[in-house]
Amino acid sequence: MNIPESLIVEQQDEILLVKINRPKKRNAINDELILGLETVFSAIPKGVKCAVLYGEGQHFSAGLDLSELRERDIVEGLQHSRMWHRALEKIQFGTVPVVAVIHGACVGGGLEIASACHIRVAEQSTFYALPEGQRGIFVGGGASVRLPKLIGAARMADMMFTGRVISAEEGILMGFSQYLVSENKGLEKGIELAKKISLNAEMTNYALMHVLPRIVDSGASEGLMMESLISTIAASSPEAKKRLGDFLEGRAKKVGEN
């Protein structure tokens, strides 16, 4: 893979660690970085079952690298936004679940990247913002689709109307993250979760990544049909049958057991 210097990729057994590596720029995002993410998540190495995405330095990502912005005509602007959409869909609808570990700034485009991941772990230093409203622009990397599903349309509008900054504590209550941990404990927690996710049946993880979002986006009747179909497919797999057999015969842990 042709991976830019702004990303560092390391495989640890069944976990792929992907680090945003522009600490002197507060991990600000340029086209090279976005295209690098597309490359990485389009070609997950064989044997990897989950990925962890995190940032080097003091921040996850402070958003778009404004120093590299150039004037674009309408068509170029549309194409640039659609490039972000294409790249982030490789994270959301790729081959493995992705855990985002967030600390410091998770702002603008950085929040768009985090919202494309499947689970988000925030450290105490985390703060969220969408400054596009104050800059006279609108989000273009998928936030208007993904964020309302996490926090609600009214809260996203509030952030863009007012420039409101959301703390890590507020963020977990609002739905930005599912986990809140002490400072410098995020990566440890992210890897712990990734290992748990890797133990799931492959079809279950696929259904959660690819089918559940489409059920949510569909009408009730269509959603229930999709649920029936994927439930039947998942239960029919040899792995599911073995796991159910292990549970029924007392070889598997019960809920709540360590």
C-alpha atoms as a PDB file:
ATOM      1  CA  MET A   1       0.000   0.000   0.000  1.00  0.00           C
ATOM      2  CA  ASN A   2       1.111   3.569  -0.713  1.00  0.00           C
ATOM      3  CA  ILE A   3       0.537   5.045   2.754  1.00  0.00           C
ATOM      4  CA  PRO A   4       1.466   8.720   3.350  1.00  0.00           C
ATOM      5  CA  GLU A   5       3.688   9.832   6.228  1.00  0.00           C
ATOM      6  CA  SER A   6       0.616  11.383   7.843  1.00  0.00           C
ATOM      7  CA  LEU A   7      -0.539   7.865   8.759  1.00  0.00           C
ATOM      8  CA  ILE A   8       1.265   5.125  10.666  1.00  0.00           C
ATOM      9  CA  VAL A   9      -0.164   1.618  10.345  1.00  0.00           C
ATOM     10  CA  GLU A  10       0.805  -1.303  12.571  1.00  0.00           C
ATOM     11  CA  GLN A  11      -0.689  -4.779  12.845  1.00  0.00           C
ATOM     12  CA  GLN A  12      -0.858  -6.453  16.251  1.00  0.00           C
ATOM     13  CA  ASP A  13      -2.186  -9.978  15.768  1.00  0.00           C
ATOM     14  CA  GLU A  14      -5.828  -9.515  14.654  1.00  0.00           C
ATOM     15  CA  ILE A  15      -5.892  -5.758  15.364  1.00  0.00           C
ATOM     16  CA  LEU A  16      -4.831  -3.025  12.924  1.00  0.00           C
ATOM     17  CA  LEU A  17      -3.634   0.192  14.590  1.00  0.00           C
ATOM     18  CA  VAL A  18      -4.002   3.275  12.383  1.00  0.00           C
ATOM     19  CA  LYS A  19      -2.472   6.486  13.739  1.00  0.00           C
ATOM     20  CA  ILE A  20      -3.040   9.975  12.352  1.00  0.00           C
ATOM     21  CA  ASN A  21       0.464  11.414  12.427  1.00  0.00           C
ATOM     22  CA  ARG A  22       0.538  15.196  11.929  1.00  0.00           C
ATOM     23  CA  PRO A  23       1.062  16.292  15.557  1.00  0.00           C
ATOM     24  CA  LYS A  24       2.710  19.617  14.657  1.00  0.00           C
ATOM     25  CA  LYS A  25      -0.458  20.483  12.725  1.00  0.00           C
ATOM     26  CA  ARG A  26      -2.770  19.227  15.522  1.00  0.00           C
ATOM     27  CA  ASN A  27      -3.460  16.327  13.146  1.00  0.00           C
ATOM     28  CA  ALA A  28      -5.216  18.684  10.747  1.00  0.00           C
ATOM     29  CA  ILE A  29      -6.577  16.910   7.695  1.00  0.00           C
ATOM     30  CA  ASN A  30      -5.404  17.424   4.143  1.00  0.00           C
ATOM     31  CA  ASP A  31      -6.274  15.550   0.972  1.00  0.00           C
ATOM     32  CA  GLU A  32      -3.246  13.285   1.290  1.00  0.00           C
ATOM     33  CA  LEU A  33      -4.405  12.097   4.711  1.00  0.00           C
ATOM     34  CA  ILE A  34      -7.996  11.452   3.588  1.00  0.00           C
ATOM     35  CA  LEU A  35      -6.824   9.537   0.535  1.00  0.00           C
ATOM     36  CA  GLY A  36      -4.426   7.625   2.787  1.00  0.00           C
ATOM     37  CA  LEU A  37      -7.310   6.560   5.015  1.00  0.00           C
ATOM     38  CA  GLU A  38      -9.176   5.406   1.927  1.00  0.00           C
ATOM     39  CA  THR A  39      -6.163   3.343   0.868  1.00  0.00           C
ATOM     40  CA  VAL A  40      -5.708   1.747   4.306  1.00  0.00           C
ATOM     41  CA  PHE A  41      -9.342   0.820   4.816  1.00  0.00           C
ATOM     42  CA  SER A  42      -9.723  -0.423   1.236  1.00  0.00           C
ATOM     43  CA  ALA A  43      -6.999  -3.026   1.735  1.00  0.00           C
ATOM     44  CA  ILE A  44      -7.226  -4.405   5.277  1.00  0.00           C
ATOM     45  CA  PRO A  45      -4.568  -7.129   5.637  1.00  0.00           C
ATOM     46  CA  LYS A  46      -5.700 -10.734   5.765  1.00  0.00           C
ATOM     47  CA  GLY A  47      -6.316 -11.936   9.307  1.00  0.00           C
ATOM     48  CA  VAL A  48      -7.240  -8.516  10.705  1.00  0.00           C
ATOM     49  CA  LYS A  49     -10.633  -8.541  12.433  1.00  0.00           C
ATOM     50  CA  CYS A  50     -10.847  -5.037  13.891  1.00  0.00           C
ATOM     51  CA  ALA A  51      -9.080  -1.678  13.551  1.00  0.00           C
ATOM     52  CA  VAL A  52      -8.301   1.113  16.013  1.00  0.00           C
ATOM     53  CA  LEU A  53      -7.973   4.684  14.706  1.00  0.00           C
ATOM     54  CA  TYR A  54      -6.272   7.274  16.917  1.00  0.00           C
ATOM     55  CA  GLY A  55      -4.130  10.407  16.806  1.00  0.00           C
ATOM     56  CA  GLU A  56      -0.509  11.189  17.637  1.00  0.00           C
ATOM     57  CA  GLY A  57       0.278  14.107  19.950  1.00  0.00           C
ATOM     58  CA  GLN A  58      -2.224  16.171  21.895  1.00  0.00           C
ATOM     59  CA  HIS A  59      -5.237  15.872  19.582  1.00  0.00           C
ATOM     60  CA  PHE A  60      -7.259  13.378  17.586  1.00  0.00           C
ATOM     61  CA  SER A  61      -7.743  15.963  14.841  1.00  0.00           C
ATOM     62  CA  ALA A  62      -8.375  19.709  14.868  1.00  0.00           C
ATOM     63  CA  GLY A  63     -10.186  19.510  11.523  1.00  0.00           C
ATOM     64  CA  LEU A  64      -9.413  20.656   8.029  1.00  0.00           C
ATOM     65  CA  ASP A  65      -5.929  21.980   7.308  1.00  0.00           C
ATOM     66  CA  LEU A  66      -6.948  25.491   6.279  1.00  0.00           C
ATOM     67  CA  SER A  67      -3.385  26.346   5.198  1.00  0.00           C
ATOM     68  CA  GLU A  68      -3.751  23.908   2.293  1.00  0.00           C
ATOM     69  CA  LEU A  69      -7.144  25.130   1.123  1.00  0.00           C
ATOM     70  CA  ARG A  70      -7.379  26.472  -2.393  1.00  0.00           C
ATOM     71  CA  GLU A  71     -10.192  28.132  -4.251  1.00  0.00           C
ATOM     72  CA  ARG A  72     -12.388  25.660  -6.124  1.00  0.00           C
ATOM     73  CA  ASP A  73     -15.179  26.180  -8.598  1.00  0.00           C
ATOM     74  CA  ILE A  74     -18.554  24.559  -7.956  1.00  0.00           C
ATOM     75  CA  VAL A  75     -17.757  21.306  -9.743  1.00  0.00           C
ATOM     76  CA  GLU A  76     -14.374  20.974  -8.037  1.00  0.00           C
ATOM     77  CA  GLY A  77     -16.011  21.645  -4.671  1.00  0.00           C
ATOM     78  CA  LEU A  78     -18.592  18.938  -5.252  1.00  0.00           C
ATOM     79  CA  GLN A  79     -15.914  16.488  -6.315  1.00  0.00           C
ATOM     80  CA  HIS A  80     -13.825  17.275  -3.231  1.00  0.00           C
ATOM     81  CA  SER A  81     -16.753  16.667  -0.884  1.00  0.00           C
ATOM     82  CA  ARG A  82     -17.607  13.441  -2.669  1.00  0.00           C
ATOM     83  CA  MET A  83     -13.986  12.326  -2.302  1.00  0.00           C
ATOM     84  CA  TRP A  84     -14.381  12.634   1.475  1.00  0.00           C
ATOM     85  CA  HIS A  85     -17.642  10.699   1.284  1.00  0.00           C
ATOM     86  CA  ARG A  86     -16.001   7.913  -0.700  1.00  0.00           C
ATOM     87  CA  ALA A  87     -13.035   7.683   1.673  1.00  0.00           C
ATOM     88  CA  LEU A  88     -15.065   7.663   4.890  1.00  0.00           C
ATOM     89  CA  GLU A  89     -17.460   5.061   3.530  1.00  0.00           C
ATOM     90  CA  LYS A  90     -14.431   2.749   3.404  1.00  0.00           C
ATOM     91  CA  ILE A  91     -14.276   3.140   7.180  1.00  0.00           C
ATOM     92  CA  GLN A  92     -17.984   2.830   7.913  1.00  0.00           C
ATOM     93  CA  PHE A  93     -18.782   0.167   5.323  1.00  0.00           C
ATOM     94  CA  GLY A  94     -15.435  -1.585   5.099  1.00  0.00           C
ATOM     95  CA  THR A  95     -14.407  -5.115   5.977  1.00  0.00           C
ATOM     96  CA  VAL A  96     -13.707  -4.717   9.723  1.00  0.00           C
ATOM     97  CA  PRO A  97     -15.247  -2.734  12.591  1.00  0.00           C
ATOM     98  CA  VAL A  98     -13.318   0.407  13.550  1.00  0.00           C
ATOM     99  CA  VAL A  99     -12.852   1.792  17.068  1.00  0.00           C
ATOM    100  CA  ALA A 100     -11.949   5.495  17.243  1.00  0.00           C
ATOM    101  CA  VAL A 101      -9.868   6.619  20.226  1.00  0.00           C
ATOM    102  CA  ILE A 102     -10.361  10.356  20.712  1.00  0.00           C
ATOM    103  CA  HIS A 103      -8.438  12.883  22.785  1.00  0.00           C
ATOM    104  CA  GLY A 104      -7.985  16.631  22.647  1.00  0.00           C
ATOM    105  CA  ALA A 105      -9.610  18.294  19.651  1.00  0.00           C
ATOM    106  CA  CYS A 106     -12.160  16.311  17.674  1.00  0.00           C
ATOM    107  CA  VAL A 107     -13.262  19.193  15.517  1.00  0.00           C
ATOM    108  CA  GLY A 108     -14.823  19.670  12.085  1.00  0.00           C
ATOM    109  CA  GLY A 109     -13.392  17.098   9.700  1.00  0.00           C
ATOM    110  CA  GLY A 110     -11.880  15.216  12.632  1.00  0.00           C
ATOM    111  CA  LEU A 111     -15.363  14.730  14.047  1.00  0.00           C
ATOM    112  CA  GLU A 112     -16.537  13.598  10.616  1.00  0.00           C
ATOM    113  CA  ILE A 113     -13.848  10.909  10.591  1.00  0.00           C
ATOM    114  CA  ALA A 114     -14.690   9.802  14.145  1.00  0.00           C
ATOM    115  CA  SER A 115     -18.396   9.611  13.344  1.00  0.00           C
ATOM    116  CA  ALA A 116     -17.665   7.188  10.487  1.00  0.00           C
ATOM    117  CA  CYS A 117     -16.203   4.721  12.997  1.00  0.00           C
ATOM    118  CA  HIS A 118     -18.356   2.140  14.759  1.00  0.00           C
ATOM    119  CA  ILE A 119     -17.361   2.745  18.389  1.00  0.00           C
ATOM    120  CA  ARG A 120     -15.819   5.869  19.918  1.00  0.00           C
ATOM    121  CA  VAL A 121     -13.709   5.976  23.085  1.00  0.00           C
ATOM    122  CA  ALA A 122     -13.063   9.475  24.446  1.00  0.00           C
ATOM    123  CA  GLU A 123     -10.400  10.555  26.901  1.00  0.00           C
ATOM    124  CA  GLN A 124     -11.137  13.279  29.457  1.00  0.00           C
ATOM    125  CA  SER A 125      -9.339  15.922  27.364  1.00  0.00           C
ATOM    126  CA  THR A 126     -11.650  15.438  24.395  1.00  0.00           C
ATOM    127  CA  PHE A 127     -13.737  18.312  23.057  1.00  0.00           C
ATOM    128  CA  TYR A 128     -16.021  18.436  20.029  1.00  0.00           C
ATOM    129  CA  ALA A 129     -16.925  21.355  17.760  1.00  0.00           C
ATOM    130  CA  LEU A 130     -18.227  22.173  14.291  1.00  0.00           C
ATOM    131  CA  PRO A 131     -16.754  25.612  13.525  1.00  0.00           C
ATOM    132  CA  GLU A 132     -17.904  25.571   9.903  1.00  0.00           C
ATOM    133  CA  GLY A 133     -20.920  27.735  10.762  1.00  0.00           C
ATOM    134  CA  GLN A 134     -18.681  30.561  12.024  1.00  0.00           C
ATOM    135  CA  ARG A 135     -16.498  30.287   8.915  1.00  0.00           C
ATOM    136  CA  GLY A 136     -19.399  30.751   6.524  1.00  0.00           C
ATOM    137  CA  ILE A 137     -19.271  27.216   5.175  1.00  0.00           C
ATOM    138  CA  PHE A 138     -21.111  23.926   5.703  1.00  0.00           C
ATOM    139  CA  VAL A 139     -19.881  20.454   6.583  1.00  0.00           C
ATOM    140  CA  GLY A 140     -18.909  18.397   3.542  1.00  0.00           C
ATOM    141  CA  GLY A 141     -17.436  15.145   4.809  1.00  0.00           C
ATOM    142  CA  GLY A 142     -20.601  13.346   5.852  1.00  0.00           C
ATOM    143  CA  ALA A 143     -21.379  15.009   9.203  1.00  0.00           C
ATOM    144  CA  SER A 144     -24.898  16.044   8.189  1.00  0.00           C
ATOM    145  CA  VAL A 145     -25.773  12.365   7.631  1.00  0.00           C
ATOM    146  CA  ARG A 146     -23.850  10.669  10.451  1.00  0.00           C
ATOM    147  CA  LEU A 147     -23.914  13.118  13.358  1.00  0.00           C
ATOM    148  CA  PRO A 148     -27.715  13.554  13.620  1.00  0.00           C
ATOM    149  CA  LYS A 149     -27.924   9.781  14.079  1.00  0.00           C
ATOM    150  CA  LEU A 150     -25.501  10.030  17.011  1.00  0.00           C
ATOM    151  CA  ILE A 151     -26.636  13.221  18.755  1.00  0.00           C
ATOM    152  CA  GLY A 152     -29.784  14.426  16.967  1.00  0.00           C
ATOM    153  CA  ALA A 153     -30.291  17.113  14.321  1.00  0.00           C
ATOM    154  CA  ALA A 154     -31.128  19.860  16.855  1.00  0.00           C
ATOM    155  CA  ARG A 155     -27.855  19.396  18.729  1.00  0.00           C
ATOM    156  CA  MET A 156     -25.818  19.419  15.532  1.00  0.00           C
ATOM    157  CA  ALA A 157     -27.615  22.577  14.392  1.00  0.00           C
ATOM    158  CA  ASP A 158     -26.906  24.195  17.783  1.00  0.00           C
ATOM    159  CA  MET A 159     -23.191  23.463  17.410  1.00  0.00           C
ATOM    160  CA  MET A 160     -23.082  25.040  13.957  1.00  0.00           C
ATOM    161  CA  PHE A 161     -25.381  27.980  14.797  1.00  0.00           C
ATOM    162  CA  THR A 162     -23.517  28.982  17.949  1.00  0.00           C
ATOM    163  CA  GLY A 163     -20.021  27.507  17.710  1.00  0.00           C
ATOM    164  CA  ARG A 164     -20.699  25.582  20.906  1.00  0.00           C
ATOM    165  CA  VAL A 165     -17.852  23.386  22.179  1.00  0.00           C
ATOM    166  CA  ILE A 166     -18.862  20.084  23.770  1.00  0.00           C
ATOM    167  CA  SER A 167     -16.741  18.557  26.539  1.00  0.00           C
ATOM    168  CA  ALA A 168     -15.932  14.874  26.887  1.00  0.00           C
ATOM    169  CA  GLU A 169     -18.396  14.554  29.786  1.00  0.00           C
ATOM    170  CA  GLU A 170     -21.189  16.220  27.816  1.00  0.00           C
ATOM    171  CA  GLY A 171     -20.225  14.204  24.766  1.00  0.00           C
ATOM    172  CA  ILE A 172     -20.818  10.806  26.295  1.00  0.00           C
ATOM    173  CA  LEU A 173     -24.261  11.910  27.531  1.00  0.00           C
ATOM    174  CA  MET A 174     -25.138  13.321  24.095  1.00  0.00           C
ATOM    175  CA  GLY A 175     -23.959  10.269  22.160  1.00  0.00           C
ATOM    176  CA  PHE A 176     -20.652  11.372  20.649  1.00  0.00           C
ATOM    177  CA  SER A 177     -18.822   8.528  22.387  1.00  0.00           C
ATOM    178  CA  GLN A 178     -19.810   5.253  24.000  1.00  0.00           C
ATOM    179  CA  TYR A 179     -16.898   5.188  26.474  1.00  0.00           C
ATOM    180  CA  LEU A 180     -15.173   7.855  28.562  1.00  0.00           C
ATOM    181  CA  VAL A 181     -11.784   7.028  30.085  1.00  0.00           C
ATOM    182  CA  SER A 182      -8.979   8.747  31.960  1.00  0.00           C
ATOM    183  CA  GLU A 183      -6.281  10.644  30.112  1.00  0.00           C
ATOM    184  CA  ASN A 184      -3.785   8.425  28.244  1.00  0.00           C
ATOM    185  CA  LYS A 185      -6.006   5.359  28.754  1.00  0.00           C
ATOM    186  CA  GLY A 186      -7.877   5.614  25.469  1.00  0.00           C
ATOM    187  CA  LEU A 187      -5.670   3.440  23.308  1.00  0.00           C
ATOM    188  CA  GLU A 188      -5.570   0.721  25.961  1.00  0.00           C
ATOM    189  CA  LYS A 189      -9.377   0.741  26.112  1.00  0.00           C
ATOM    190  CA  GLY A 190      -9.664   0.857  22.330  1.00  0.00           C
ATOM    191  CA  ILE A 191      -7.460  -2.199  21.912  1.00  0.00           C
ATOM    192  CA  GLU A 192      -9.384  -4.012  24.666  1.00  0.00           C
ATOM    193  CA  LEU A 193     -12.648  -3.376  22.828  1.00  0.00           C
ATOM    194  CA  ALA A 194     -11.122  -4.333  19.476  1.00  0.00           C
ATOM    195  CA  LYS A 195     -10.035  -7.678  20.925  1.00  0.00           C
ATOM    196  CA  LYS A 196     -13.573  -8.333  22.172  1.00  0.00           C
ATOM    197  CA  ILE A 197     -15.047  -7.390  18.806  1.00  0.00           C
ATOM    198  CA  SER A 198     -12.580  -9.707  17.077  1.00  0.00           C
ATOM    199  CA  LEU A 199     -14.031 -12.654  19.004  1.00  0.00           C
ATOM    200  CA  ASN A 200     -17.461 -12.177  17.432  1.00  0.00           C
ATOM    201  CA  ALA A 201     -18.700 -14.286  14.559  1.00  0.00           C
ATOM    202  CA  GLU A 202     -17.712 -12.696  11.259  1.00  0.00           C
ATOM    203  CA  MET A 203     -21.317 -12.618  10.029  1.00  0.00           C
ATOM    204  CA  THR A 204     -22.470 -10.814  13.189  1.00  0.00           C
ATOM    205  CA  ASN A 205     -19.875  -8.073  12.740  1.00  0.00           C
ATOM    206  CA  TYR A 206     -20.765  -7.796   9.053  1.00  0.00           C
ATOM    207  CA  ALA A 207     -24.459  -7.426   9.918  1.00  0.00           C
ATOM    208  CA  LEU A 208     -23.745  -4.714  12.487  1.00  0.00           C
ATOM    209  CA  MET A 209     -21.574  -2.782  10.020  1.00  0.00           C
ATOM    210  CA  HIS A 210     -23.550  -3.172   6.810  1.00  0.00           C
ATOM    211  CA  VAL A 211     -27.115  -4.224   7.602  1.00  0.00           C
ATOM    212  CA  LEU A 212     -28.035  -2.429  10.841  1.00  0.00           C
ATOM    213  CA  PRO A 213     -27.409   1.076   9.384  1.00  0.00           C
ATOM    214  CA  ARG A 214     -29.604   0.249   6.407  1.00  0.00           C
ATOM    215  CA  ILE A 215     -32.349  -1.079   8.675  1.00  0.00           C
ATOM    216  CA  VAL A 216     -32.237   2.215  10.583  1.00  0.00           C
ATOM    217  CA  ASP A 217     -32.481   4.187   7.310  1.00  0.00           C
ATOM    218  CA  SER A 218     -35.390   2.133   5.975  1.00  0.00           C
ATOM    219  CA  GLY A 219     -39.108   2.057   6.690  1.00  0.00           C
ATOM    220  CA  ALA A 220     -40.405  -0.257   9.408  1.00  0.00           C
ATOM    221  CA  SER A 221     -41.713  -2.933   7.035  1.00  0.00           C
ATOM    222  CA  GLU A 222     -38.514  -3.046   4.972  1.00  0.00           C
ATOM    223  CA  GLY A 223     -36.380  -2.946   8.121  1.00  0.00           C
ATOM    224  CA  LEU A 224     -38.168  -5.891   9.680  1.00  0.00           C
ATOM    225  CA  MET A 225     -37.745  -7.909   6.500  1.00  0.00           C
ATOM    226  CA  MET A 226     -34.005  -7.145   6.396  1.00  0.00           C
ATOM    227  CA  GLU A 227     -33.766  -8.135  10.064  1.00  0.00           C
ATOM    228  CA  SER A 228     -35.453 -11.475   9.356  1.00  0.00           C
ATOM    229  CA  LEU A 229     -33.166 -12.155   6.412  1.00  0.00           C
ATOM    230  CA  ILE A 230     -29.889 -11.339   8.159  1.00  0.00           C
ATOM    231  CA  SER A 231     -31.005 -13.112  11.352  1.00  0.00           C
ATOM    232  CA  THR A 232     -31.677 -16.281   9.375  1.00  0.00           C
ATOM    233  CA  ILE A 233     -28.407 -16.033   7.450  1.00  0.00           C
ATOM    234  CA  ALA A 234     -26.375 -15.449  10.623  1.00  0.00           C
ATOM    235  CA  ALA A 235     -28.019 -18.313  12.535  1.00  0.00           C
ATOM    236  CA  SER A 236     -27.442 -20.683   9.612  1.00  0.00           C
ATOM    237  CA  SER A 237     -23.667 -20.259   9.574  1.00  0.00           C
ATOM    238  CA  PRO A 238     -21.550 -23.138  10.919  1.00  0.00           C
ATOM    239  CA  GLU A 239     -19.871 -20.793  13.401  1.00  0.00           C
ATOM    240  CA  ALA A 240     -23.212 -19.706  14.876  1.00  0.00           C
ATOM    241  CA  LYS A 241     -24.360 -23.304  15.221  1.00  0.00           C
ATOM    242  CA  LYS A 242     -21.154 -24.220  17.039  1.00  0.00           C
ATOM    243  CA  ARG A 243     -21.421 -21.242  19.403  1.00  0.00           C
ATOM    244  CA  LEU A 244     -25.046 -21.997  20.233  1.00  0.00           C
ATOM    245  CA  GLY A 245     -24.150 -25.640  20.833  1.00  0.00           C
ATOM    246  CA  ASP A 246     -21.314 -24.617  23.178  1.00  0.00           C
ATOM    247  CA  PHE A 247     -23.718 -22.415  25.132  1.00  0.00           C
ATOM    248  CA  LEU A 248     -26.433 -25.044  25.418  1.00  0.00           C
ATOM    249  CA  GLU A 249     -23.919 -27.644  26.565  1.00  0.00           C
ATOM    250  CA  GLY A 250     -22.363 -25.371  29.189  1.00  0.00           C
ATOM    251  CA  ARG A 251     -19.051 -24.742  27.419  1.00  0.00           C
ATOM    252  CA  ALA A 252     -19.643 -21.013  26.907  1.00  0.00           C
ATOM    253  CA  LYS A 253     -19.759 -18.226  29.499  1.00  0.00           C
ATOM    254  CA  LYS A 254     -23.126 -16.850  30.544  1.00  0.00           C
ATOM    255  CA  VAL A 255     -23.891 -13.138  30.372  1.00  0.00           C
ATOM    256  CA  GLY A 256     -22.145 -11.367  33.244  1.00  0.00           C
ATOM    257  CA  GLU A 257     -19.513 -14.045  33.832  1.00  0.00           C
ATOM    258  CA  ASN A 258     -15.846 -13.090  33.568  1.00  0.00           C
END
